[in-house]
Amino acid sequence: MLHHVENNVSDLPSAADFWGWILPQLLCNLSKMGLGIIWKHKDTYLVFVQSEERHLDPPFHRAKTV
């Protein structure tokens, strides 16, 4: 069983808008915490947290090599 997933995002309001249409359809309830938001369904939850400024540059790219 999945307990939780925490996602660090570069733009929290945009992430909330992006996910905000489907998660209620999956019977998730929205709540807010310090620098993030939580979508919870029973014992499983998704957390979206605003990344710190120092981690925003360079931006993430899944195909980027180190």
C-alpha atoms as a PDB file:
ATOM      1  CA  MET A   1       0.000   0.000   0.000  1.00  0.00           C
ATOM      2  CA  LEU A   2       1.246   3.477  -0.863  1.00  0.00           C
ATOM      3  CA  HIS A   3       1.600   5.715   2.188  1.00  0.00           C
ATOM      4  CA  HIS A   4       2.735   9.045   0.745  1.00  0.00           C
ATOM      5  CA  VAL A   5       4.608  10.781  -2.054  1.00  0.00           C
ATOM      6  CA  GLU A   6       6.300  14.128  -1.515  1.00  0.00           C
ATOM      7  CA  ASN A   7       6.908  16.310  -4.566  1.00  0.00           C
ATOM      8  CA  ASN A   8       9.145  19.377  -4.538  1.00  0.00           C
ATOM      9  CA  VAL A   9       7.865  21.818  -7.141  1.00  0.00           C
ATOM     10  CA  SER A  10       9.227  25.041  -8.603  1.00  0.00           C
ATOM     11  CA  ASP A  11       5.829  26.810  -8.623  1.00  0.00           C
ATOM     12  CA  LEU A  12       3.399  25.651  -5.939  1.00  0.00           C
ATOM     13  CA  PRO A  13       0.329  27.592  -7.188  1.00  0.00           C
ATOM     14  CA  SER A  14       0.797  26.150 -10.699  1.00  0.00           C
ATOM     15  CA  ALA A  15       1.185  22.632  -9.327  1.00  0.00           C
ATOM     16  CA  ALA A  16      -1.972  23.098  -7.239  1.00  0.00           C
ATOM     17  CA  ASP A  17      -3.882  24.252 -10.326  1.00  0.00           C
ATOM     18  CA  PHE A  18      -2.515  21.391 -12.429  1.00  0.00           C
ATOM     19  CA  TRP A  19      -3.443  18.653  -9.934  1.00  0.00           C
ATOM     20  CA  GLY A  20      -6.458  20.404  -8.442  1.00  0.00           C
ATOM     21  CA  TRP A  21      -8.942  19.257 -11.068  1.00  0.00           C
ATOM     22  CA  ILE A  22      -8.301  15.508 -10.873  1.00  0.00           C
ATOM     23  CA  LEU A  23      -7.492  14.799  -7.239  1.00  0.00           C
ATOM     24  CA  PRO A  24     -10.979  15.726  -5.970  1.00  0.00           C
ATOM     25  CA  GLN A  25     -12.349  13.340  -8.621  1.00  0.00           C
ATOM     26  CA  LEU A  26     -10.303  10.615  -6.896  1.00  0.00           C
ATOM     27  CA  LEU A  27     -11.980  11.546  -3.591  1.00  0.00           C
ATOM     28  CA  CYS A  28      -8.913  13.314  -2.222  1.00  0.00           C
ATOM     29  CA  ASN A  29      -9.321  16.091   0.325  1.00  0.00           C
ATOM     30  CA  LEU A  30      -7.166  19.204   0.170  1.00  0.00           C
ATOM     31  CA  SER A  31      -5.419  20.670   3.194  1.00  0.00           C
ATOM     32  CA  LYS A  32      -2.582  23.163   3.539  1.00  0.00           C
ATOM     33  CA  MET A  33       0.616  23.020   5.526  1.00  0.00           C
ATOM     34  CA  GLY A  34       3.505  25.458   6.001  1.00  0.00           C
ATOM     35  CA  LEU A  35       5.054  25.755   2.538  1.00  0.00           C
ATOM     36  CA  GLY A  36       2.945  23.162   0.781  1.00  0.00           C
ATOM     37  CA  ILE A  37      -0.347  21.426   0.206  1.00  0.00           C
ATOM     38  CA  ILE A  38      -1.561  17.912   0.928  1.00  0.00           C
ATOM     39  CA  TRP A  39      -4.109  15.864  -0.985  1.00  0.00           C
ATOM     40  CA  LYS A  40      -5.258  12.963   1.182  1.00  0.00           C
ATOM     41  CA  HIS A  41      -7.384   9.874   0.534  1.00  0.00           C
ATOM     42  CA  LYS A  42      -7.846   7.539   3.483  1.00  0.00           C
ATOM     43  CA  ASP A  43      -4.293   6.669   4.668  1.00  0.00           C
ATOM     44  CA  THR A  44      -2.544   7.755   1.451  1.00  0.00           C
ATOM     45  CA  TYR A  45      -1.486  11.293   0.685  1.00  0.00           C
ATOM     46  CA  LEU A  46       0.334  13.403  -1.879  1.00  0.00           C
ATOM     47  CA  VAL A  47       2.377  16.341  -0.631  1.00  0.00           C
ATOM     48  CA  PHE A  48       3.445  19.235  -2.849  1.00  0.00           C
ATOM     49  CA  VAL A  49       6.141  21.482  -1.351  1.00  0.00           C
ATOM     50  CA  GLN A  50       7.597  24.686  -2.761  1.00  0.00           C
ATOM     51  CA  SER A  51      11.289  24.119  -3.559  1.00  0.00           C
ATOM     52  CA  GLU A  52      13.738  26.496  -1.984  1.00  0.00           C
ATOM     53  CA  GLU A  53      15.035  29.278  -4.215  1.00  0.00           C
ATOM     54  CA  ARG A  54      18.573  27.852  -4.186  1.00  0.00           C
ATOM     55  CA  HIS A  55      17.306  24.632  -5.828  1.00  0.00           C
ATOM     56  CA  LEU A  56      15.473  26.286  -8.725  1.00  0.00           C
ATOM     57  CA  ASP A  57      18.467  26.993 -10.982  1.00  0.00           C
ATOM     58  CA  PRO A  58      19.314  25.098 -13.076  1.00  0.00           C
ATOM     59  CA  PRO A  59      15.817  23.716 -13.631  1.00  0.00           C
ATOM     60  CA  PHE A  60      15.224  19.981 -13.633  1.00  0.00           C
ATOM     61  CA  HIS A  61      15.135  18.052 -16.880  1.00  0.00           C
ATOM     62  CA  ARG A  62      14.561  14.292 -16.827  1.00  0.00           C
ATOM     63  CA  ALA A  63      16.994  13.674 -19.687  1.00  0.00           C
ATOM     64  CA  LYS A  64      19.778  15.813 -18.252  1.00  0.00           C
ATOM     65  CA  THR A  65      23.072  14.046 -17.688  1.00  0.00           C
ATOM     66  CA  VAL A  66      25.129  14.835 -14.620  1.00  0.00           C
END
